[in-house]
Amino acid sequence: MAAIATSLIGYTVKAVIFAALAYAGIICGKKFRDKKEADRA
């Protein structure tokens, strides 16, 4: 049972890290696009 709990915690931590990286990528992408459009205008 402890092995299952440890595995679940490990996968949860990985999922949270990947979600944070994805969110940061989306925010940076939007800022980059807005800057590019502002330079173009």
C-alpha atoms as a PDB file:
ATOM      1  CA  MET A   1       0.000   0.000   0.000  1.00  0.00           C
ATOM      2  CA  ALA A   2       2.856   2.381   0.764  1.00  0.00           C
ATOM      3  CA  ALA A   3       4.321   1.821  -2.685  1.00  0.00           C
ATOM      4  CA  ILE A   4       1.035   2.809  -4.307  1.00  0.00           C
ATOM      5  CA  ALA A   5       0.814   5.982  -2.207  1.00  0.00           C
ATOM      6  CA  THR A   6       4.418   6.904  -2.993  1.00  0.00           C
ATOM      7  CA  SER A   7       3.857   6.353  -6.693  1.00  0.00           C
ATOM      8  CA  LEU A   8       0.669   8.416  -6.636  1.00  0.00           C
ATOM      9  CA  ILE A   9       2.430  11.297  -4.868  1.00  0.00           C
ATOM     10  CA  GLY A  10       5.300  11.161  -7.362  1.00  0.00           C
ATOM     11  CA  TYR A  11       2.993  11.273 -10.369  1.00  0.00           C
ATOM     12  CA  THR A  12       0.981  14.097  -8.790  1.00  0.00           C
ATOM     13  CA  VAL A  13       4.130  16.183  -8.281  1.00  0.00           C
ATOM     14  CA  LYS A  14       5.188  15.564 -11.883  1.00  0.00           C
ATOM     15  CA  ALA A  15       1.739  16.531 -13.164  1.00  0.00           C
ATOM     16  CA  VAL A  16       1.798  19.768 -11.158  1.00  0.00           C
ATOM     17  CA  ILE A  17       5.267  20.645 -12.485  1.00  0.00           C
ATOM     18  CA  PHE A  18       4.247  19.971 -16.085  1.00  0.00           C
ATOM     19  CA  ALA A  19       1.052  21.988 -15.639  1.00  0.00           C
ATOM     20  CA  ALA A  20       3.057  24.927 -14.263  1.00  0.00           C
ATOM     21  CA  LEU A  21       5.477  24.739 -17.213  1.00  0.00           C
ATOM     22  CA  ALA A  22       2.583  24.629 -19.668  1.00  0.00           C
ATOM     23  CA  TYR A  23       0.924  27.628 -18.005  1.00  0.00           C
ATOM     24  CA  ALA A  24       4.195  29.587 -18.064  1.00  0.00           C
ATOM     25  CA  GLY A  25       4.622  28.725 -21.742  1.00  0.00           C
ATOM     26  CA  ILE A  26       1.139  29.977 -22.551  1.00  0.00           C
ATOM     27  CA  ILE A  27       1.711  33.256 -20.685  1.00  0.00           C
ATOM     28  CA  CYS A  28       5.116  33.809 -22.327  1.00  0.00           C
ATOM     29  CA  GLY A  29       3.673  32.986 -25.746  1.00  0.00           C
ATOM     30  CA  LYS A  30       0.881  35.515 -25.330  1.00  0.00           C
ATOM     31  CA  LYS A  31       3.323  38.216 -24.201  1.00  0.00           C
ATOM     32  CA  PHE A  32       5.639  37.457 -27.119  1.00  0.00           C
ATOM     33  CA  ARG A  33       2.739  37.615 -29.590  1.00  0.00           C
ATOM     34  CA  ASP A  34       1.456  40.893 -28.140  1.00  0.00           C
ATOM     35  CA  LYS A  35       4.946  42.414 -28.354  1.00  0.00           C
ATOM     36  CA  LYS A  36       5.336  41.230 -31.948  1.00  0.00           C
ATOM     37  CA  GLU A  37       1.969  42.707 -32.913  1.00  0.00           C
ATOM     38  CA  ALA A  38       2.811  46.003 -31.184  1.00  0.00           C
ATOM     39  CA  ASP A  39       6.071  46.265 -33.147  1.00  0.00           C
ATOM     40  CA  ARG A  40       4.210  45.538 -36.373  1.00  0.00           C
ATOM     41  CA  ALA A  41       1.603  48.271 -35.808  1.00  0.00           C
END
